[in-house]
PDB file of N, CA and C in Angstrom:
ATOM      1  N   UNK A   1       0.843  -1.178   0.000  1.00  0.00           N
ATOM      2  CA  UNK A   1       0.000   0.000   0.000  1.00  0.00           C
ATOM      3  C   UNK A   1       0.889   1.243   0.000  1.00  0.00           C
ATOM      4  N   UNK A   2       0.573   2.206  -0.835  1.00  0.00           N
ATOM      5  CA  UNK A   2       1.386   3.413  -0.930  1.00  0.00           C
ATOM      6  C   UNK A   2       1.079   4.343   0.235  1.00  0.00           C
ATOM      7  N   UNK A   3       2.014   5.250   0.547  1.00  0.00           N
ATOM      8  CA  UNK A   3       1.763   6.207   1.625  1.00  0.00           C
ATOM      9  C   UNK A   3       0.491   7.027   1.402  1.00  0.00           C
ATOM     10  N   UNK A   4       0.185   7.327   0.129  1.00  0.00           N
ATOM     11  CA  UNK A   4      -1.026   8.102  -0.170  1.00  0.00           C
ATOM     12  C   UNK A   4      -2.267   7.349   0.315  1.00  0.00           C
ATOM     13  N   UNK A   5      -2.350   6.055   0.012  1.00  0.00           N
ATOM     14  CA  UNK A   5      -3.516   5.259   0.414  1.00  0.00           C
ATOM     15  C   UNK A   5      -3.537   5.034   1.918  1.00  0.00           C
ATOM     16  N   UNK A   6      -2.369   4.943   2.546  1.00  0.00           N
ATOM     17  CA  UNK A   6      -2.322   4.839   4.005  1.00  0.00           C
ATOM     18  C   UNK A   6      -2.930   6.078   4.643  1.00  0.00           C
ATOM     19  N   UNK A   7      -2.611   7.239   4.097  1.00  0.00           N
ATOM     20  CA  UNK A   7      -3.154   8.496   4.624  1.00  0.00           C
ATOM     21  C   UNK A   7      -4.662   8.565   4.456  1.00  0.00           C
ATOM     22  N   UNK A   8      -5.156   8.144   3.298  1.00  0.00           N
ATOM     23  CA  UNK A   8      -6.599   8.149   3.053  1.00  0.00           C
ATOM     24  C   UNK A   8      -7.296   7.213   4.034  1.00  0.00           C
ATOM     25  N   UNK A   9      -6.737   6.029   4.244  1.00  0.00           N
ATOM     26  CA  UNK A   9      -7.320   5.070   5.186  1.00  0.00           C
ATOM     27  C   UNK A   9      -7.355   5.620   6.598  1.00  0.00           C
ATOM     28  N   UNK A  10      -6.283   6.284   7.011  1.00  0.00           N
ATOM     29  CA  UNK A  10      -6.224   6.872   8.343  1.00  0.00           C
ATOM     30  C   UNK A  10      -7.270   7.967   8.504  1.00  0.00           C
ATOM     31  N   UNK A  11      -7.429   8.802   7.514  1.00  0.00           N
ATOM     32  CA  UNK A  11      -8.430   9.874   7.568  1.00  0.00           C
ATOM     33  C   UNK A  11      -9.833   9.287   7.680  1.00  0.00           C
ATOM     34  N   UNK A  12     -10.129   8.259   6.894  1.00  0.00           N
ATOM     35  CA  UNK A  12     -11.450   7.628   6.960  1.00  0.00           C
ATOM     36  C   UNK A  12     -11.697   7.000   8.325  1.00  0.00           C
ATOM     37  N   UNK A  13     -10.685   6.364   8.891  1.00  0.00           N
ATOM     38  CA  UNK A  13     -10.817   5.762  10.210  1.00  0.00           C
ATOM     39  C   UNK A  13     -11.085   6.825  11.267  1.00  0.00           C
ATOM     40  N   UNK A  14     -10.346   7.915  11.224  1.00  0.00           N
ATOM     41  CA  UNK A  14     -10.541   8.990  12.195  1.00  0.00           C
ATOM     42  C   UNK A  14     -11.920   9.620  12.067  1.00  0.00           C
ATOM     43  N   UNK A  15     -12.416   9.757  10.859  1.00  0.00           N
ATOM     44  CA  UNK A  15     -13.767  10.299  10.656  1.00  0.00           C
ATOM     45  C   UNK A  15     -14.809   9.374  11.263  1.00  0.00           C
ATOM     46  N   UNK A  16     -14.644   8.082  11.072  1.00  0.00           N
ATOM     47  CA  UNK A  16     -15.600   7.117  11.621  1.00  0.00           C
ATOM     48  C   UNK A  16     -15.563   7.133  13.143  1.00  0.00           C
ATOM     49  N   UNK A  17     -14.360   7.194  13.717  1.00  0.00           N
ATOM     50  CA  UNK A  17     -14.240   7.224  15.169  1.00  0.00           C
ATOM     51  C   UNK A  17     -14.747   8.538  15.738  1.00  0.00           C
ATOM     52  N   UNK A  18     -14.576   9.615  15.029  1.00  0.00           N
ATOM     53  CA  UNK A  18     -14.982  10.928  15.507  1.00  0.00           C
ATOM     54  C   UNK A  18     -16.475  11.155  15.481  1.00  0.00           C
ATOM     55  N   UNK A  19     -17.214  10.279  14.827  1.00  0.00           N
ATOM     56  CA  UNK A  19     -18.647  10.502  14.715  1.00  0.00           C
ATOM     57  C   UNK A  19     -19.420  10.006  15.932  1.00  0.00           C
ATOM     58  N   UNK A  20     -18.805   9.174  16.769  1.00  0.00           N
ATOM     59  CA  UNK A  20     -19.483   8.684  17.972  1.00  0.00           C
ATOM     60  C   UNK A  20     -19.647   9.831  18.963  1.00  0.00           C
ATOM     61  N   UNK A  21     -20.794   9.844  19.631  1.00  0.00           N
ATOM     62  CA  UNK A  21     -21.069  10.880  20.621  1.00  0.00           C
ATOM     63  C   UNK A  21     -21.245  10.254  21.987  1.00  0.00           C
ATOM     64  N   UNK A  22     -21.025  11.040  23.006  1.00  0.00           N
ATOM     65  CA  UNK A  22     -21.329  10.627  24.373  1.00  0.00           C
ATOM     66  C   UNK A  22     -22.409  11.554  24.899  1.00  0.00           C
ATOM     67  N   UNK A  23     -23.510  10.955  25.310  1.00  0.00           N
ATOM     68  CA  UNK A  23     -24.614  11.704  25.912  1.00  0.00           C
ATOM     69  C   UNK A  23     -24.576  11.479  27.415  1.00  0.00           C
ATOM     70  N   UNK A  24     -24.953  12.515  28.172  1.00  0.00           N
ATOM     71  CA  UNK A  24     -24.974  12.430  29.632  1.00  0.00           C
ATOM     72  C   UNK A  24     -26.396  12.585  30.137  1.00  0.00           C
ATOM     73  N   UNK A  25     -26.678  11.863  31.234  1.00  0.00           N
ATOM     74  CA  UNK A  25     -27.984  11.915  31.890  1.00  0.00           C
ATOM     75  C   UNK A  25     -27.739  12.213  33.362  1.00  0.00           C
ATOM     76  N   UNK A  26     -28.473  13.189  33.902  1.00  0.00           N
ATOM     77  CA  UNK A  26     -28.345  13.551  35.305  1.00  0.00           C
ATOM     78  C   UNK A  26     -29.706  13.976  35.826  1.00  0.00           C
ATOM     79  N   UNK A  27     -29.962  13.695  37.082  1.00  0.00           N
ATOM     80  CA  UNK A  27     -31.242  14.093  37.656  1.00  0.00           C
ATOM     81  C   UNK A  27     -31.391  15.611  37.720  1.00  0.00           C
ATOM     82  N   UNK A  28     -30.297  16.331  37.589  1.00  0.00           N
ATOM     83  CA  UNK A  28     -30.377  17.796  37.570  1.00  0.00           C
ATOM     84  C   UNK A  28     -30.507  18.345  36.147  1.00  0.00           C
ATOM     85  N   UNK A  29     -30.552  17.460  35.153  1.00  0.00           N
ATOM     86  CA  UNK A  29     -30.632  17.887  33.756  1.00  0.00           C
ATOM     87  C   UNK A  29     -32.044  18.191  33.300  1.00  0.00           C
ATOM     88  N   UNK A  30     -32.183  18.460  32.012  1.00  0.00           N
ATOM     89  CA  UNK A  30     -33.478  18.745  31.379  1.00  0.00           C
ATOM     90  C   UNK A  30     -33.504  18.027  30.030  1.00  0.00           C
ATOM     91  N   UNK A  31     -34.620  17.403  29.725  1.00  0.00           N
ATOM     92  CA  UNK A  31     -34.710  16.666  28.460  1.00  0.00           C
ATOM     93  C   UNK A  31     -34.659  17.570  27.234  1.00  0.00           C
ATOM     94  N   UNK A  32     -34.856  18.872  27.414  1.00  0.00           N
ATOM     95  CA  UNK A  32     -34.760  19.809  26.293  1.00  0.00           C
ATOM     96  C   UNK A  32     -33.306  20.211  26.014  1.00  0.00           C
ATOM     97  N   UNK A  33     -32.386  19.832  26.904  1.00  0.00           N
ATOM     98  CA  UNK A  33     -30.973  20.158  26.705  1.00  0.00           C
ATOM     99  C   UNK A  33     -30.354  19.233  25.657  1.00  0.00           C
ATOM    100  N   UNK A  34     -29.052  19.397  25.416  1.00  0.00           N
ATOM    101  CA  UNK A  34     -28.400  18.644  24.330  1.00  0.00           C
ATOM    102  C   UNK A  34     -27.688  17.368  24.771  1.00  0.00           C
ATOM    103  N   UNK A  35     -27.702  17.058  26.067  1.00  0.00           N
ATOM    104  CA  UNK A  35     -27.093  15.821  26.544  1.00  0.00           C
ATOM    105  C   UNK A  35     -25.586  15.883  26.744  1.00  0.00           C
ATOM    106  N   UNK A  36     -25.018  17.073  26.675  1.00  0.00           N
ATOM    107  CA  UNK A  36     -23.577  17.211  26.919  1.00  0.00           C
ATOM    108  C   UNK A  36     -23.312  17.094  28.419  1.00  0.00           C
ATOM    109  N   UNK A  37     -22.054  17.021  28.797  1.00  0.00           N
ATOM    110  CA  UNK A  37     -21.721  16.911  30.213  1.00  0.00           C
ATOM    111  C   UNK A  37     -22.183  18.148  30.980  1.00  0.00           C
ATOM    112  N   UNK A  38     -22.173  19.320  30.346  1.00  0.00           N
ATOM    113  CA  UNK A  38     -22.606  20.547  31.022  1.00  0.00           C
ATOM    114  C   UNK A  38     -24.109  20.806  30.887  1.00  0.00           C
ATOM    115  N   UNK A  39     -24.778  20.105  29.950  1.00  0.00           N
ATOM    116  CA  UNK A  39     -26.228  20.260  29.759  1.00  0.00           C
ATOM    117  C   UNK A  39     -26.862  18.878  29.548  1.00  0.00           C
ATOM    118  N   UNK A  40     -26.837  18.046  30.615  1.00  0.00           N
ATOM    119  CA  UNK A  40     -27.299  16.664  30.471  1.00  0.00           C
ATOM    120  C   UNK A  40     -28.814  16.548  30.321  1.00  0.00           C
ATOM    121  N   UNK A  41     -29.229  15.407  29.780  1.00  0.00           N
ATOM    122  CA  UNK A  41     -30.648  15.072  29.764  1.00  0.00           C
ATOM    123  C   UNK A  41     -31.072  14.700  31.179  1.00  0.00           C
ATOM    124  N   UNK A  42     -32.364  14.778  31.444  1.00  0.00           N
ATOM    125  CA  UNK A  42     -32.887  14.359  32.749  1.00  0.00           C
ATOM    126  C   UNK A  42     -33.230  12.872  32.758  1.00  0.00           C
ATOM    127  N   UNK A  43     -33.640  12.328  31.626  1.00  0.00           N
ATOM    128  CA  UNK A  43     -34.054  10.926  31.578  1.00  0.00           C
ATOM    129  C   UNK A  43     -33.179  10.117  30.617  1.00  0.00           C
ATOM    130  N   UNK A  44     -33.067   8.846  30.936  1.00  0.00           N
ATOM    131  CA  UNK A  44     -32.333   7.925  30.071  1.00  0.00           C
ATOM    132  C   UNK A  44     -33.071   7.781  28.744  1.00  0.00           C
ATOM    133  N   UNK A  45     -34.396   7.828  28.800  1.00  0.00           N
ATOM    134  CA  UNK A  45     -35.206   7.701  27.580  1.00  0.00           C
ATOM    135  C   UNK A  45     -34.912   8.812  26.580  1.00  0.00           C
ATOM    136  N   UNK A  46     -34.695  10.033  27.071  1.00  0.00           N
ATOM    137  CA  UNK A  46     -34.379  11.150  26.170  1.00  0.00           C
ATOM    138  C   UNK A  46     -33.043  10.906  25.474  1.00  0.00           C
ATOM    139  N   UNK A  47     -32.071  10.391  26.219  1.00  0.00           N
ATOM    140  CA  UNK A  47     -30.770  10.079  25.620  1.00  0.00           C
ATOM    141  C   UNK A  47     -30.902   8.937  24.616  1.00  0.00           C
ATOM    142  N   UNK A  48     -31.714   7.935  24.952  1.00  0.00           N
ATOM    143  CA  UNK A  48     -31.901   6.782  24.065  1.00  0.00           C
ATOM    144  C   UNK A  48     -32.517   7.206  22.734  1.00  0.00           C
ATOM    145  N   UNK A  49     -33.391   8.198  22.762  1.00  0.00           N
ATOM    146  CA  UNK A  49     -34.018   8.682  21.522  1.00  0.00           C
ATOM    147  C   UNK A  49     -32.996   9.335  20.594  1.00  0.00           C
ATOM    148  N   UNK A  50     -31.966   9.933  21.154  1.00  0.00           N
ATOM    149  CA  UNK A  50     -30.952  10.633  20.361  1.00  0.00           C
ATOM    150  C   UNK A  50     -29.816   9.717  19.910  1.00  0.00           C
ATOM    151  N   UNK A  51     -29.518   8.691  20.689  1.00  0.00           N
ATOM    152  CA  UNK A  51     -28.332   7.861  20.452  1.00  0.00           C
ATOM    153  C   UNK A  51     -28.421   7.073  19.150  1.00  0.00           C
ATOM    154  N   UNK A  52     -27.275   6.990  18.497  1.00  0.00           N
ATOM    155  CA  UNK A  52     -27.109   6.230  17.259  1.00  0.00           C
ATOM    156  C   UNK A  52     -26.057   5.144  17.507  1.00  0.00           C
ATOM    157  N   UNK A  53     -26.010   4.115  16.673  1.00  0.00           N
ATOM    158  CA  UNK A  53     -24.994   3.080  16.846  1.00  0.00           C
ATOM    159  C   UNK A  53     -23.589   3.683  16.973  1.00  0.00           C
ATOM    160  N   UNK A  54     -22.854   3.210  17.978  1.00  0.00           N
ATOM    161  CA  UNK A  54     -21.515   3.715  18.253  1.00  0.00           C
ATOM    162  C   UNK A  54     -21.475   4.740  19.369  1.00  0.00           C
ATOM    163  N   UNK A  55     -22.629   5.279  19.767  1.00  0.00           N
ATOM    164  CA  UNK A  55     -22.689   6.294  20.818  1.00  0.00           C
ATOM    165  C   UNK A  55     -22.640   5.660  22.210  1.00  0.00           C
ATOM    166  N   UNK A  56     -22.325   6.492  23.197  1.00  0.00           N
ATOM    167  CA  UNK A  56     -22.266   6.076  24.600  1.00  0.00           C
ATOM    168  C   UNK A  56     -23.203   6.975  25.396  1.00  0.00           C
ATOM    169  N   UNK A  57     -23.982   6.369  26.286  1.00  0.00           N
ATOM    170  CA  UNK A  57     -24.845   7.123  27.192  1.00  0.00           C
ATOM    171  C   UNK A  57     -24.303   6.908  28.597  1.00  0.00           C
ATOM    172  N   UNK A  58     -23.849   7.989  29.222  1.00  0.00           N
ATOM    173  CA  UNK A  58     -23.304   7.935  30.574  1.00  0.00           C
ATOM    174  C   UNK A  58     -24.348   8.483  31.532  1.00  0.00           C
ATOM    175  N   UNK A  59     -24.746   7.642  32.478  1.00  0.00           N
ATOM    176  CA  UNK A  59     -25.792   8.005  33.438  1.00  0.00           C
ATOM    177  C   UNK A  59     -25.122   8.340  34.766  1.00  0.00           C
ATOM    178  N   UNK A  60     -25.465   9.510  35.306  1.00  0.00           N
ATOM    179  CA  UNK A  60     -24.869   9.968  36.561  1.00  0.00           C
ATOM    180  C   UNK A  60     -25.722   9.560  37.753  1.00  0.00           C
ATOM    181  N   UNK A  61     -25.136   9.657  38.914  1.00  0.00           N
ATOM    182  CA  UNK A  61     -25.712   9.160  40.169  1.00  0.00           C
ATOM    183  C   UNK A  61     -27.180   9.496  40.347  1.00  0.00           C
ATOM    184  N   UNK A  62     -27.907   8.494  40.867  1.00  0.00           N
ATOM    185  CA  UNK A  62     -29.306   8.717  41.199  1.00  0.00           C
ATOM    186  C   UNK A  62     -30.171   7.501  40.941  1.00  0.00           C
ATOM    187  N   UNK A  63     -31.444   7.640  41.326  1.00  0.00           N
ATOM    188  CA  UNK A  63     -32.443   6.610  41.075  1.00  0.00           C
ATOM    189  C   UNK A  63     -33.323   7.115  39.943  1.00  0.00           C
ATOM    190  N   UNK A  64     -33.394   6.353  38.875  1.00  0.00           N
ATOM    191  CA  UNK A  64     -34.170   6.726  37.689  1.00  0.00           C
ATOM    192  C   UNK A  64     -35.385   5.814  37.618  1.00  0.00           C
ATOM    193  N   UNK A  65     -36.561   6.408  37.750  1.00  0.00           N
ATOM    194  CA  UNK A  65     -37.816   5.659  37.711  1.00  0.00           C
ATOM    195  C   UNK A  65     -38.460   5.892  36.351  1.00  0.00           C
ATOM    196  N   UNK A  66     -38.133   5.017  35.429  1.00  0.00           N
ATOM    197  CA  UNK A  66     -38.688   5.146  34.084  1.00  0.00           C
ATOM    198  C   UNK A  66     -38.592   3.819  33.350  1.00  0.00           C
ATOM    199  N   UNK A  67     -39.480   3.654  32.419  1.00  0.00           N
ATOM    200  CA  UNK A  67     -39.428   2.492  31.534  1.00  0.00           C
ATOM    201  C   UNK A  67     -38.613   2.919  30.320  1.00  0.00           C
ATOM    202  N   UNK A  68     -37.575   2.172  30.029  1.00  0.00           N
ATOM    203  CA  UNK A  68     -36.684   2.528  28.928  1.00  0.00           C
ATOM    204  C   UNK A  68     -36.888   1.535  27.793  1.00  0.00           C
ATOM    205  N   UNK A  69     -37.226   2.057  26.639  1.00  0.00           N
ATOM    206  CA  UNK A  69     -37.433   1.226  25.454  1.00  0.00           C
ATOM    207  C   UNK A  69     -36.669   1.865  24.296  1.00  0.00           C
ATOM    208  N   UNK A  70     -35.368   1.566  24.188  1.00  0.00           N
ATOM    209  CA  UNK A  70     -34.548   2.212  23.157  1.00  0.00           C
ATOM    210  C   UNK A  70     -35.090   1.962  21.747  1.00  0.00           C
ATOM    211  N   UNK A  71     -35.215   3.013  20.950  1.00  0.00           N
ATOM    212  CA  UNK A  71     -35.716   2.850  19.584  1.00  0.00           C
ATOM    213  C   UNK A  71     -34.696   2.217  18.639  1.00  0.00           C
ATOM    214  N   UNK A  72     -33.409   2.233  19.021  1.00  0.00           N
ATOM    215  CA  UNK A  72     -32.345   1.676  18.182  1.00  0.00           C
ATOM    216  C   UNK A  72     -31.392   0.857  19.035  1.00  0.00           C
ATOM    217  N   UNK A  73     -30.764  -0.085  18.401  1.00  0.00           N
ATOM    218  CA  UNK A  73     -29.683  -0.843  19.025  1.00  0.00           C
ATOM    219  C   UNK A  73     -28.411  -0.547  18.261  1.00  0.00           C
ATOM    220  N   UNK A  74     -27.551  -1.506  18.200  1.00  0.00           N
ATOM    221  CA  UNK A  74     -26.334  -1.332  17.425  1.00  0.00           C
ATOM    222  C   UNK A  74     -26.461  -1.990  16.071  1.00  0.00           C
ATOM    223  N   UNK A  75     -25.475  -1.741  15.236  1.00  0.00           N
ATOM    224  CA  UNK A  75     -25.459  -2.356  13.910  1.00  0.00           C
ATOM    225  C   UNK A  75     -24.467  -3.509  13.833  1.00  0.00           C
ATOM    226  N   UNK A  76     -23.564  -3.600  14.825  1.00  0.00           N
ATOM    227  CA  UNK A  76     -22.584  -4.688  14.888  1.00  0.00           C
ATOM    228  C   UNK A  76     -21.952  -4.663  16.275  1.00  0.00           C
ATOM    229  N   UNK A  77     -21.079  -5.628  16.547  1.00  0.00           N
ATOM    230  CA  UNK A  77     -20.401  -5.646  17.842  1.00  0.00           C
ATOM    231  C   UNK A  77     -19.561  -4.396  18.066  1.00  0.00           C
ATOM    232  N   UNK A  78     -19.071  -3.798  16.986  1.00  0.00           N
ATOM    233  CA  UNK A  78     -18.245  -2.595  17.093  1.00  0.00           C
ATOM    234  C   UNK A  78     -19.065  -1.312  17.106  1.00  0.00           C
ATOM    235  N   UNK A  79     -20.330  -1.392  16.789  1.00  0.00           N
ATOM    236  CA  UNK A  79     -21.182  -0.200  16.682  1.00  0.00           C
ATOM    237  C   UNK A  79     -22.446  -0.354  17.526  1.00  0.00           C
ATOM    238  N   UNK A  80     -22.266  -0.659  18.793  1.00  0.00           N
ATOM    239  CA  UNK A  80     -23.393  -0.764  19.717  1.00  0.00           C
ATOM    240  C   UNK A  80     -23.646   0.575  20.373  1.00  0.00           C
ATOM    241  N   UNK A  81     -24.835   0.727  20.941  1.00  0.00           N
ATOM    242  CA  UNK A  81     -25.101   1.862  21.816  1.00  0.00           C
ATOM    243  C   UNK A  81     -24.810   1.365  23.225  1.00  0.00           C
ATOM    244  N   UNK A  82     -23.866   1.997  23.891  1.00  0.00           N
ATOM    245  CA  UNK A  82     -23.420   1.564  25.211  1.00  0.00           C
ATOM    246  C   UNK A  82     -24.064   2.447  26.271  1.00  0.00           C
ATOM    247  N   UNK A  83     -24.659   1.814  27.272  1.00  0.00           N
ATOM    248  CA  UNK A  83     -25.216   2.504  28.431  1.00  0.00           C
ATOM    249  C   UNK A  83     -24.303   2.181  29.605  1.00  0.00           C
ATOM    250  N   UNK A  84     -23.834   3.226  30.306  1.00  0.00           N
ATOM    251  CA  UNK A  84     -22.913   2.993  31.416  1.00  0.00           C
ATOM    252  C   UNK A  84     -23.166   3.987  32.535  1.00  0.00           C
ATOM    253  N   UNK A  85     -22.848   3.566  33.768  1.00  0.00           N
ATOM    254  CA  UNK A  85     -22.883   4.484  34.905  1.00  0.00           C
ATOM    255  C   UNK A  85     -21.604   5.311  34.862  1.00  0.00           C
ATOM    256  N   UNK A  86     -21.705   6.554  35.288  1.00  0.00           N
ATOM    257  CA  UNK A  86     -20.514   7.397  35.372  1.00  0.00           C
ATOM    258  C   UNK A  86     -19.544   6.767  36.372  1.00  0.00           C
ATOM    259  N   UNK A  87     -18.279   6.885  36.105  1.00  0.00           N
ATOM    260  CA  UNK A  87     -17.248   6.274  36.931  1.00  0.00           C
ATOM    261  C   UNK A  87     -17.394   6.679  38.397  1.00  0.00           C
ATOM    262  N   UNK A  88     -17.473   5.667  39.277  1.00  0.00           N
ATOM    263  CA  UNK A  88     -17.554   5.923  40.714  1.00  0.00           C
ATOM    264  C   UNK A  88     -18.917   6.364  41.210  1.00  0.00           C
ATOM    265  N   UNK A  89     -19.913   6.386  40.343  1.00  0.00           N
ATOM    266  CA  UNK A  89     -21.248   6.839  40.743  1.00  0.00           C
ATOM    267  C   UNK A  89     -22.217   5.663  40.766  1.00  0.00           C
ATOM    268  N   UNK A  90     -23.179   5.721  41.708  1.00  0.00           N
ATOM    269  CA  UNK A  90     -24.161   4.644  41.858  1.00  0.00           C
ATOM    270  C   UNK A  90     -25.439   5.027  41.126  1.00  0.00           C
ATOM    271  N   UNK A  91     -25.846   4.173  40.202  1.00  0.00           N
ATOM    272  CA  UNK A  91     -27.050   4.409  39.401  1.00  0.00           C
ATOM    273  C   UNK A  91     -28.014   3.249  39.627  1.00  0.00           C
ATOM    274  N   UNK A  92     -29.281   3.587  39.897  1.00  0.00           N
ATOM    275  CA  UNK A  92     -30.332   2.584  40.053  1.00  0.00           C
ATOM    276  C   UNK A  92     -31.429   2.922  39.056  1.00  0.00           C
ATOM    277  N   UNK A  93     -31.848   1.913  38.287  1.00  0.00           N
ATOM    278  CA  UNK A  93     -32.943   2.102  37.333  1.00  0.00           C
ATOM    279  C   UNK A  93     -34.102   1.236  37.787  1.00  0.00           C
ATOM    280  N   UNK A  94     -35.243   1.874  38.038  1.00  0.00           N
ATOM    281  CA  UNK A  94     -36.455   1.155  38.438  1.00  0.00           C
ATOM    282  C   UNK A  94     -37.486   1.347  37.348  1.00  0.00           C
ATOM    283  N   UNK A  95     -37.926   0.268  36.767  1.00  0.00           N
ATOM    284  CA  UNK A  95     -38.897   0.344  35.679  1.00  0.00           C
ATOM    285  C   UNK A  95     -40.325   0.497  36.151  1.00  0.00           C
ATOM    286  N   UNK A  96     -40.516   0.861  37.416  1.00  0.00           N
ATOM    287  CA  UNK A  96     -41.876   1.007  37.949  1.00  0.00           C
ATOM    288  C   UNK A  96     -42.293   2.457  38.027  1.00  0.00           C
TER     289      UNK A  96
END
């Protein structure tokens, strides 16, 4: 492979990796916000509606009382939507 094609491959890889987003959910957030760390969603469901394959949803400390029915899943093992608790924080989800 020539250096030119190596560069093109690297650019395409970086573009694909750069398209993944991380959405944040916090009990102090608002579902009308954009889901960033400084403007988190209030509900996991709001984040699930926005998430696309490859995205990560980070849920911050608290008890979330909601039924979550994600409209999308992943497209492959490498392009899943990942739901995770924020590092060191306790998250409880009650579907009642």
